[in-house]
Amino acid sequence: MNVVCTWLTDRMDLQLHIYQLKTLIRIVKKTYRDFRLQGVLDSTLNSKTYETIRNRLTVEEATASVSEGGGLQGITMKDSDEEDEEDD
C-alpha cells in the first residue's frame, strides 16, 4: 500500500487514466478484503496510507464518472458492506 500511496502522491497533479483507476480500485479493494479475511485489525487496515489512497481514488472515480459517462462499468470504491448498511 505504501508503494501505491507514493505513486499516487507523485502524480497528485495528474488525473488517472480510466484503466489505471479501474486497476487500482480492484487492487486496493482486493488487498483490503484479503487482509481483513486474514484477521488483520480494522485499526491497522484503516491507516493514514489507506485513507489517503481511498480518498484519492474516490475523487478520481467521481471525476471519471462525470467525464467518461459510465466508463468504470460498475467498478467503485464503495464496499458492498457499506451499501448494505445504507439500505437498512
PDB file of N, CA and C in Angstrom:
ATOM      1  N   MET A   1       0.821  -1.191   0.000  1.00  0.00           N
ATOM      2  CA  MET A   1       0.000   0.000   0.000  1.00  0.00           C
ATOM      3  C   MET A   1       0.869   1.261   0.000  1.00  0.00           C
ATOM      4  N   ASN A   2       2.022   1.166   0.657  1.00  0.00           N
ATOM      5  CA  ASN A   2       2.911   2.328   0.685  1.00  0.00           C
ATOM      6  C   ASN A   2       3.368   2.717  -0.719  1.00  0.00           C
ATOM      7  N   VAL A   3       3.636   1.715  -1.551  1.00  0.00           N
ATOM      8  CA  VAL A   3       4.083   1.986  -2.921  1.00  0.00           C
ATOM      9  C   VAL A   3       2.966   2.665  -3.719  1.00  0.00           C
ATOM     10  N   VAL A   4       1.749   2.177  -3.574  1.00  0.00           N
ATOM     11  CA  VAL A   4       0.609   2.776  -4.276  1.00  0.00           C
ATOM     12  C   VAL A   4       0.402   4.211  -3.805  1.00  0.00           C
ATOM     13  N   CYS A   5       0.501   4.419  -2.498  1.00  0.00           N
ATOM     14  CA  CYS A   5       0.325   5.765  -1.943  1.00  0.00           C
ATOM     15  C   CYS A   5       1.395   6.719  -2.474  1.00  0.00           C
ATOM     16  N   THR A   6       2.632   6.271  -2.502  1.00  0.00           N
ATOM     17  CA  THR A   6       3.726   7.093  -3.017  1.00  0.00           C
ATOM     18  C   THR A   6       3.520   7.394  -4.498  1.00  0.00           C
ATOM     19  N   TRP A   7       3.126   6.384  -5.261  1.00  0.00           N
ATOM     20  CA  TRP A   7       2.893   6.551  -6.693  1.00  0.00           C
ATOM     21  C   TRP A   7       1.791   7.576  -6.945  1.00  0.00           C
ATOM     22  N   LEU A   8       0.705   7.488  -6.181  1.00  0.00           N
ATOM     23  CA  LEU A   8      -0.392   8.444  -6.335  1.00  0.00           C
ATOM     24  C   LEU A   8       0.022   9.846  -5.899  1.00  0.00           C
ATOM     25  N   THR A   9       0.805   9.931  -4.843  1.00  0.00           N
ATOM     26  CA  THR A   9       1.264  11.229  -4.346  1.00  0.00           C
ATOM     27  C   THR A   9       2.175  11.907  -5.370  1.00  0.00           C
ATOM     28  N   ASP A  10       3.044  11.124  -6.003  1.00  0.00           N
ATOM     29  CA  ASP A  10       3.938  11.678  -7.026  1.00  0.00           C
ATOM     30  C   ASP A  10       3.160  12.209  -8.231  1.00  0.00           C
ATOM     31  N   ARG A  11       1.968  11.693  -8.439  1.00  0.00           N
ATOM     32  CA  ARG A  11       1.140  12.094  -9.582  1.00  0.00           C
ATOM     33  C   ARG A  11      -0.092  12.878  -9.143  1.00  0.00           C
ATOM     34  N   MET A  12       0.046  13.613  -8.068  1.00  0.00           N
ATOM     35  CA  MET A  12      -1.086  14.337  -7.492  1.00  0.00           C
ATOM     36  C   MET A  12      -1.708  15.323  -8.482  1.00  0.00           C
ATOM     37  N   ASP A  13      -0.894  15.937  -9.322  1.00  0.00           N
ATOM     38  CA  ASP A  13      -1.414  16.944 -10.248  1.00  0.00           C
ATOM     39  C   ASP A  13      -1.897  16.346 -11.574  1.00  0.00           C
ATOM     40  N   LEU A  14      -1.804  15.019 -11.717  1.00  0.00           N
ATOM     41  CA  LEU A  14      -2.233  14.351 -12.942  1.00  0.00           C
ATOM     42  C   LEU A  14      -3.483  13.515 -12.686  1.00  0.00           C
ATOM     43  N   GLN A  15      -4.415  13.566 -13.609  1.00  0.00           N
ATOM     44  CA  GLN A  15      -5.602  12.724 -13.496  1.00  0.00           C
ATOM     45  C   GLN A  15      -5.251  11.319 -13.968  1.00  0.00           C
ATOM     46  N   LEU A  16      -5.770  10.326 -13.277  1.00  0.00           N
ATOM     47  CA  LEU A  16      -5.518   8.942 -13.658  1.00  0.00           C
ATOM     48  C   LEU A  16      -6.313   8.587 -14.912  1.00  0.00           C
ATOM     49  N   HIS A  17      -5.711   7.758 -15.752  1.00  0.00           N
ATOM     50  CA  HIS A  17      -6.423   7.218 -16.904  1.00  0.00           C
ATOM     51  C   HIS A  17      -7.475   6.244 -16.378  1.00  0.00           C
ATOM     52  N   ILE A  18      -8.536   6.057 -17.119  1.00  0.00           N
ATOM     53  CA  ILE A  18      -9.642   5.206 -16.676  1.00  0.00           C
ATOM     54  C   ILE A  18      -9.168   3.786 -16.362  1.00  0.00           C
ATOM     55  N   TYR A  19      -8.231   3.253 -17.129  1.00  0.00           N
ATOM     56  CA  TYR A  19      -7.738   1.896 -16.888  1.00  0.00           C
ATOM     57  C   TYR A  19      -6.853   1.844 -15.648  1.00  0.00           C
ATOM     58  N   GLN A  20      -6.071   2.900 -15.400  1.00  0.00           N
ATOM     59  CA  GLN A  20      -5.295   2.972 -14.163  1.00  0.00           C
ATOM     60  C   GLN A  20      -6.233   2.986 -12.966  1.00  0.00           C
ATOM     61  N   LEU A  21      -7.277   3.782 -13.066  1.00  0.00           N
ATOM     62  CA  LEU A  21      -8.237   3.906 -11.974  1.00  0.00           C
ATOM     63  C   LEU A  21      -8.934   2.575 -11.699  1.00  0.00           C
ATOM     64  N   LYS A  22      -9.434   1.920 -12.740  1.00  0.00           N
ATOM     65  CA  LYS A  22     -10.115   0.643 -12.563  1.00  0.00           C
ATOM     66  C   LYS A  22      -9.187  -0.396 -11.942  1.00  0.00           C
ATOM     67  N   THR A  23      -7.945  -0.435 -12.401  1.00  0.00           N
ATOM     68  CA  THR A  23      -6.983  -1.403 -11.882  1.00  0.00           C
ATOM     69  C   THR A  23      -6.642  -1.120 -10.430  1.00  0.00           C
ATOM     70  N   LEU A  24      -6.389   0.134 -10.101  1.00  0.00           N
ATOM     71  CA  LEU A  24      -6.056   0.484  -8.720  1.00  0.00           C
ATOM     72  C   LEU A  24      -7.222   0.215  -7.771  1.00  0.00           C
ATOM     73  N   ILE A  25      -8.439   0.501  -8.198  1.00  0.00           N
ATOM     74  CA  ILE A  25      -9.598   0.223  -7.349  1.00  0.00           C
ATOM     75  C   ILE A  25      -9.675  -1.271  -7.051  1.00  0.00           C
ATOM     76  N   ARG A  26      -9.504  -2.087  -8.067  1.00  0.00           N
ATOM     77  CA  ARG A  26      -9.549  -3.543  -7.857  1.00  0.00           C
ATOM     78  C   ARG A  26      -8.434  -4.009  -6.933  1.00  0.00           C
ATOM     79  N   ILE A  27      -7.226  -3.514  -7.135  1.00  0.00           N
ATOM     80  CA  ILE A  27      -6.091  -3.919  -6.303  1.00  0.00           C
ATOM     81  C   ILE A  27      -6.315  -3.523  -4.852  1.00  0.00           C
ATOM     82  N   VAL A  28      -6.711  -2.285  -4.626  1.00  0.00           N
ATOM     83  CA  VAL A  28      -6.878  -1.779  -3.257  1.00  0.00           C
ATOM     84  C   VAL A  28      -8.009  -2.513  -2.548  1.00  0.00           C
ATOM     85  N   LYS A  29      -9.141  -2.692  -3.217  1.00  0.00           N
ATOM     86  CA  LYS A  29     -10.266  -3.385  -2.587  1.00  0.00           C
ATOM     87  C   LYS A  29      -9.930  -4.845  -2.297  1.00  0.00           C
ATOM     88  N   LYS A  30      -9.284  -5.517  -3.237  1.00  0.00           N
ATOM     89  CA  LYS A  30      -8.921  -6.928  -3.054  1.00  0.00           C
ATOM     90  C   LYS A  30      -7.927  -7.078  -1.914  1.00  0.00           C
ATOM     91  N   THR A  31      -6.929  -6.227  -1.878  1.00  0.00           N
ATOM     92  CA  THR A  31      -5.930  -6.287  -0.813  1.00  0.00           C
ATOM     93  C   THR A  31      -6.572  -6.043   0.541  1.00  0.00           C
ATOM     94  N   TYR A  32      -7.420  -5.036   0.630  1.00  0.00           N
ATOM     95  CA  TYR A  32      -8.099  -4.712   1.883  1.00  0.00           C
ATOM     96  C   TYR A  32      -8.944  -5.895   2.357  1.00  0.00           C
ATOM     97  N   ARG A  33      -9.728  -6.459   1.459  1.00  0.00           N
ATOM     98  CA  ARG A  33     -10.590  -7.595   1.828  1.00  0.00           C
ATOM     99  C   ARG A  33      -9.775  -8.814   2.234  1.00  0.00           C
ATOM    100  N   ASP A  34      -8.687  -9.087   1.503  1.00  0.00           N
ATOM    101  CA  ASP A  34      -7.854 -10.241   1.841  1.00  0.00           C
ATOM    102  C   ASP A  34      -7.235 -10.090   3.226  1.00  0.00           C
ATOM    103  N   PHE A  35      -6.715  -8.907   3.525  1.00  0.00           N
ATOM    104  CA  PHE A  35      -6.143  -8.685   4.853  1.00  0.00           C
ATOM    105  C   PHE A  35      -7.217  -8.784   5.931  1.00  0.00           C
ATOM    106  N   ARG A  36      -8.393  -8.282   5.633  1.00  0.00           N
ATOM    107  CA  ARG A  36      -9.493  -8.342   6.601  1.00  0.00           C
ATOM    108  C   ARG A  36      -9.892  -9.793   6.870  1.00  0.00           C
ATOM    109  N   LEU A  37      -9.940 -10.608   5.821  1.00  0.00           N
ATOM    110  CA  LEU A  37     -10.259 -12.028   5.985  1.00  0.00           C
ATOM    111  C   LEU A  37      -9.188 -12.771   6.775  1.00  0.00           C
ATOM    112  N   GLN A  38      -7.956 -12.305   6.690  1.00  0.00           N
ATOM    113  CA  GLN A  38      -6.863 -12.930   7.429  1.00  0.00           C
ATOM    114  C   GLN A  38      -6.847 -12.520   8.896  1.00  0.00           C
ATOM    115  N   GLY A  39      -7.742 -11.620   9.285  1.00  0.00           N
ATOM    116  CA  GLY A  39      -7.853 -11.245  10.687  1.00  0.00           C
ATOM    117  C   GLY A  39      -7.074 -10.012  11.089  1.00  0.00           C
ATOM    118  N   VAL A  40      -6.596  -9.253  10.125  1.00  0.00           N
ATOM    119  CA  VAL A  40      -5.894  -8.012  10.448  1.00  0.00           C
ATOM    120  C   VAL A  40      -6.915  -7.030  11.019  1.00  0.00           C
ATOM    121  N   LEU A  41      -6.562  -6.401  12.119  1.00  0.00           N
ATOM    122  CA  LEU A  41      -7.476  -5.493  12.806  1.00  0.00           C
ATOM    123  C   LEU A  41      -7.826  -4.286  11.941  1.00  0.00           C
ATOM    124  N   ASP A  42      -9.059  -3.801  12.087  1.00  0.00           N
ATOM    125  CA  ASP A  42      -9.502  -2.631  11.331  1.00  0.00           C
ATOM    126  C   ASP A  42      -8.643  -1.412  11.625  1.00  0.00           C
ATOM    127  N   SER A  43      -8.165  -1.295  12.866  1.00  0.00           N
ATOM    128  CA  SER A  43      -7.320  -0.145  13.214  1.00  0.00           C
ATOM    129  C   SER A  43      -6.011  -0.166  12.425  1.00  0.00           C
ATOM    130  N   THR A  44      -5.521  -1.352  12.121  1.00  0.00           N
ATOM    131  CA  THR A  44      -4.308  -1.475  11.308  1.00  0.00           C
ATOM    132  C   THR A  44      -4.630  -1.242   9.837  1.00  0.00           C
ATOM    133  N   LEU A  45      -5.740  -1.792   9.380  1.00  0.00           N
ATOM    134  CA  LEU A  45      -6.125  -1.650   7.972  1.00  0.00           C
ATOM    135  C   LEU A  45      -6.451  -0.215   7.602  1.00  0.00           C
ATOM    136  N   ASN A  46      -7.115   0.490   8.485  1.00  0.00           N
ATOM    137  CA  ASN A  46      -7.547   1.857   8.195  1.00  0.00           C
ATOM    138  C   ASN A  46      -6.477   2.869   8.588  1.00  0.00           C
ATOM    139  N   SER A  47      -5.294   2.656   8.077  1.00  0.00           N
ATOM    140  CA  SER A  47      -4.168   3.539   8.371  1.00  0.00           C
ATOM    141  C   SER A  47      -4.265   4.822   7.549  1.00  0.00           C
ATOM    142  N   LYS A  48      -3.387   5.751   7.842  1.00  0.00           N
ATOM    143  CA  LYS A  48      -3.332   7.015   7.106  1.00  0.00           C
ATOM    144  C   LYS A  48      -3.056   6.755   5.618  1.00  0.00           C
ATOM    145  N   THR A  49      -2.193   5.785   5.344  1.00  0.00           N
ATOM    146  CA  THR A  49      -1.862   5.440   3.961  1.00  0.00           C
ATOM    147  C   THR A  49      -3.101   4.964   3.212  1.00  0.00           C
ATOM    148  N   TYR A  50      -3.847   4.051   3.818  1.00  0.00           N
ATOM    149  CA  TYR A  50      -5.053   3.538   3.167  1.00  0.00           C
ATOM    150  C   TYR A  50      -6.082   4.647   2.973  1.00  0.00           C
ATOM    151  N   GLU A  51      -6.252   5.486   3.963  1.00  0.00           N
ATOM    152  CA  GLU A  51      -7.223   6.581   3.855  1.00  0.00           C
ATOM    153  C   GLU A  51      -6.834   7.550   2.741  1.00  0.00           C
ATOM    154  N   THR A  52      -5.534   7.823   2.602  1.00  0.00           N
ATOM    155  CA  THR A  52      -5.049   8.698   1.530  1.00  0.00           C
ATOM    156  C   THR A  52      -5.368   8.089   0.163  1.00  0.00           C
ATOM    157  N   ILE A  53      -5.085   6.799   0.011  1.00  0.00           N
ATOM    158  CA  ILE A  53      -5.362   6.106  -1.250  1.00  0.00           C
ATOM    159  C   ILE A  53      -6.857   6.099  -1.529  1.00  0.00           C
ATOM    160  N   ARG A  54      -7.630   5.753  -0.533  1.00  0.00           N
ATOM    161  CA  ARG A  54      -9.088   5.661  -0.694  1.00  0.00           C
ATOM    162  C   ARG A  54      -9.684   7.014  -1.090  1.00  0.00           C
ATOM    163  N   ASN A  55      -9.234   8.072  -0.438  1.00  0.00           N
ATOM    164  CA  ASN A  55      -9.740   9.407  -0.765  1.00  0.00           C
ATOM    165  C   ASN A  55      -9.392   9.801  -2.192  1.00  0.00           C
ATOM    166  N   ARG A  56      -8.159   9.547  -2.593  1.00  0.00           N
ATOM    167  CA  ARG A  56      -7.733   9.902  -3.954  1.00  0.00           C
ATOM    168  C   ARG A  56      -8.520   9.121  -5.000  1.00  0.00           C
ATOM    169  N   LEU A  57      -8.678   7.815  -4.775  1.00  0.00           N
ATOM    170  CA  LEU A  57      -9.404   7.003  -5.746  1.00  0.00           C
ATOM    171  C   LEU A  57     -10.886   7.368  -5.792  1.00  0.00           C
ATOM    172  N   THR A  58     -11.443   7.764  -4.665  1.00  0.00           N
ATOM    173  CA  THR A  58     -12.841   8.193  -4.638  1.00  0.00           C
ATOM    174  C   THR A  58     -13.032   9.472  -5.446  1.00  0.00           C
ATOM    175  N   VAL A  59     -12.102  10.414  -5.306  1.00  0.00           N
ATOM    176  CA  VAL A  59     -12.167  11.658  -6.081  1.00  0.00           C
ATOM    177  C   VAL A  59     -11.988  11.361  -7.567  1.00  0.00           C
ATOM    178  N   GLU A  60     -11.019  10.519  -7.889  1.00  0.00           N
ATOM    179  CA  GLU A  60     -10.789  10.154  -9.291  1.00  0.00           C
ATOM    180  C   GLU A  60     -12.004   9.432  -9.876  1.00  0.00           C
ATOM    181  N   GLU A  61     -12.633   8.595  -9.057  1.00  0.00           N
ATOM    182  CA  GLU A  61     -13.826   7.877  -9.501  1.00  0.00           C
ATOM    183  C   GLU A  61     -14.958   8.849  -9.829  1.00  0.00           C
ATOM    184  N   ALA A  62     -15.148   9.836  -8.975  1.00  0.00           N
ATOM    185  CA  ALA A  62     -16.193  10.834  -9.213  1.00  0.00           C
ATOM    186  C   ALA A  62     -15.901  11.636 -10.474  1.00  0.00           C
ATOM    187  N   THR A  63     -14.651  12.020 -10.652  1.00  0.00           N
ATOM    188  CA  THR A  63     -14.253  12.766 -11.842  1.00  0.00           C
ATOM    189  C   THR A  63     -14.474  11.935 -13.102  1.00  0.00           C
ATOM    190  N   ALA A  64     -14.089  10.665 -13.041  1.00  0.00           N
ATOM    191  CA  ALA A  64     -14.239   9.789 -14.205  1.00  0.00           C
ATOM    192  C   ALA A  64     -15.703   9.540 -14.535  1.00  0.00           C
ATOM    193  N   SER A  65     -16.529   9.405 -13.520  1.00  0.00           N
ATOM    194  CA  SER A  65     -17.946   9.130 -13.793  1.00  0.00           C
ATOM    195  C   SER A  65     -18.628  10.323 -14.449  1.00  0.00           C
ATOM    196  N   VAL A  66     -18.166  11.521 -14.135  1.00  0.00           N
ATOM    197  CA  VAL A  66     -18.730  12.722 -14.755  1.00  0.00           C
ATOM    198  C   VAL A  66     -18.206  12.880 -16.181  1.00  0.00           C
ATOM    199  N   SER A  67     -16.903  12.704 -16.359  1.00  0.00           N
ATOM    200  CA  SER A  67     -16.302  12.961 -17.667  1.00  0.00           C
ATOM    201  C   SER A  67     -16.439  11.785 -18.638  1.00  0.00           C
ATOM    202  N   GLU A  68     -16.395  10.559 -18.143  1.00  0.00           N
ATOM    203  CA  GLU A  68     -16.441   9.389 -19.023  1.00  0.00           C
ATOM    204  C   GLU A  68     -17.860   8.892 -19.264  1.00  0.00           C
ATOM    205  N   GLY A  69     -18.770   9.234 -18.403  1.00  0.00           N
ATOM    206  CA  GLY A  69     -20.149   8.794 -18.580  1.00  0.00           C
ATOM    207  C   GLY A  69     -20.334   7.295 -18.444  1.00  0.00           C
ATOM    208  N   GLY A  70     -19.857   6.726 -17.344  1.00  0.00           N
ATOM    209  CA  GLY A  70     -20.056   5.295 -17.109  1.00  0.00           C
ATOM    210  C   GLY A  70     -18.902   4.433 -17.563  1.00  0.00           C
ATOM    211  N   GLY A  71     -17.735   5.003 -17.733  1.00  0.00           N
ATOM    212  CA  GLY A  71     -16.575   4.248 -18.182  1.00  0.00           C
ATOM    213  C   GLY A  71     -16.030   3.263 -17.174  1.00  0.00           C
ATOM    214  N   LEU A  72     -16.441   3.377 -15.913  1.00  0.00           N
ATOM    215  CA  LEU A  72     -15.950   2.462 -14.884  1.00  0.00           C
ATOM    216  C   LEU A  72     -16.686   1.128 -14.903  1.00  0.00           C
ATOM    217  N   GLN A  73     -17.809   1.058 -15.559  1.00  0.00           N
ATOM    218  CA  GLN A  73     -18.571  -0.181 -15.741  1.00  0.00           C
ATOM    219  C   GLN A  73     -18.847  -0.898 -14.424  1.00  0.00           C
ATOM    220  N   GLY A  74     -19.338  -0.156 -13.448  1.00  0.00           N
ATOM    221  CA  GLY A  74     -19.739  -0.753 -12.177  1.00  0.00           C
ATOM    222  C   GLY A  74     -18.649  -0.904 -11.149  1.00  0.00           C
ATOM    223  N   ILE A  75     -17.418  -0.568 -11.483  1.00  0.00           N
ATOM    224  CA  ILE A  75     -16.322  -0.663 -10.525  1.00  0.00           C
ATOM    225  C   ILE A  75     -16.335   0.594  -9.681  1.00  0.00           C
ATOM    226  N   THR A  76     -16.324   0.417  -8.365  1.00  0.00           N
ATOM    227  CA  THR A  76     -16.412   1.557  -7.470  1.00  0.00           C
ATOM    228  C   THR A  76     -15.623   1.292  -6.198  1.00  0.00           C
ATOM    229  N   MET A  77     -15.210   2.355  -5.534  1.00  0.00           N
ATOM    230  CA  MET A  77     -14.509   2.224  -4.257  1.00  0.00           C
ATOM    231  C   MET A  77     -15.466   1.866  -3.131  1.00  0.00           C
ATOM    232  N   LYS A  78     -16.751   2.049  -3.340  1.00  0.00           N
ATOM    233  CA  LYS A  78     -17.735   1.767  -2.299  1.00  0.00           C
ATOM    234  C   LYS A  78     -17.813   0.260  -2.075  1.00  0.00           C
ATOM    235  N   ASP A  79     -17.691  -0.159  -0.827  1.00  0.00           N
ATOM    236  CA  ASP A  79     -17.778  -1.576  -0.493  1.00  0.00           C
ATOM    237  C   ASP A  79     -19.222  -2.031  -0.478  1.00  0.00           C
ATOM    238  N   SER A  80     -19.439  -3.290  -0.790  1.00  0.00           N
ATOM    239  CA  SER A  80     -20.792  -3.835  -0.733  1.00  0.00           C
ATOM    240  C   SER A  80     -21.298  -3.847   0.709  1.00  0.00           C
ATOM    241  N   ASP A  81     -20.397  -3.952   1.700  1.00  0.00           N
ATOM    242  CA  ASP A  81     -20.786  -3.882   3.110  1.00  0.00           C
ATOM    243  C   ASP A  81     -21.404  -2.527   3.420  1.00  0.00           C
ATOM    244  N   GLU A  82     -20.796  -1.457   2.905  1.00  0.00           N
ATOM    245  CA  GLU A  82     -21.299  -0.109   3.147  1.00  0.00           C
ATOM    246  C   GLU A  82     -22.663   0.077   2.500  1.00  0.00           C
ATOM    247  N   GLU A  83     -22.867  -0.492   1.324  1.00  0.00           N
ATOM    248  CA  GLU A  83     -24.141  -0.372   0.632  1.00  0.00           C
ATOM    249  C   GLU A  83     -25.248  -1.044   1.430  1.00  0.00           C
ATOM    250  N   ASP A  84     -24.949  -2.202   2.038  1.00  0.00           N
ATOM    251  CA  ASP A  84     -25.944  -2.912   2.837  1.00  0.00           C
ATOM    252  C   ASP A  84     -26.365  -2.101   4.048  1.00  0.00           C
ATOM    253  N   GLU A  85     -25.420  -1.414   4.685  1.00  0.00           N
ATOM    254  CA  GLU A  85     -25.719  -0.613   5.865  1.00  0.00           C
ATOM    255  C   GLU A  85     -26.621   0.558   5.520  1.00  0.00           C
ATOM    256  N   GLU A  86     -26.428   1.162   4.347  1.00  0.00           N
ATOM    257  CA  GLU A  86     -27.233   2.307   3.943  1.00  0.00           C
ATOM    258  C   GLU A  86     -28.657   1.899   3.604  1.00  0.00           C
ATOM    259  N   ASP A  87     -28.846   0.670   3.132  1.00  0.00           N
ATOM    260  CA  ASP A  87     -30.176   0.196   2.761  1.00  0.00           C
ATOM    261  C   ASP A  87     -31.066  -0.048   3.974  1.00  0.00           C
ATOM    262  N   ASP A  88     -30.483  -0.289   5.146  1.00  0.00           N
ATOM    263  CA  ASP A  88     -31.254  -0.583   6.366  1.00  0.00           C
ATOM    264  C   ASP A  88     -32.002   0.605   6.888  1.00  0.00           C
TER     265      ASP A  88
END
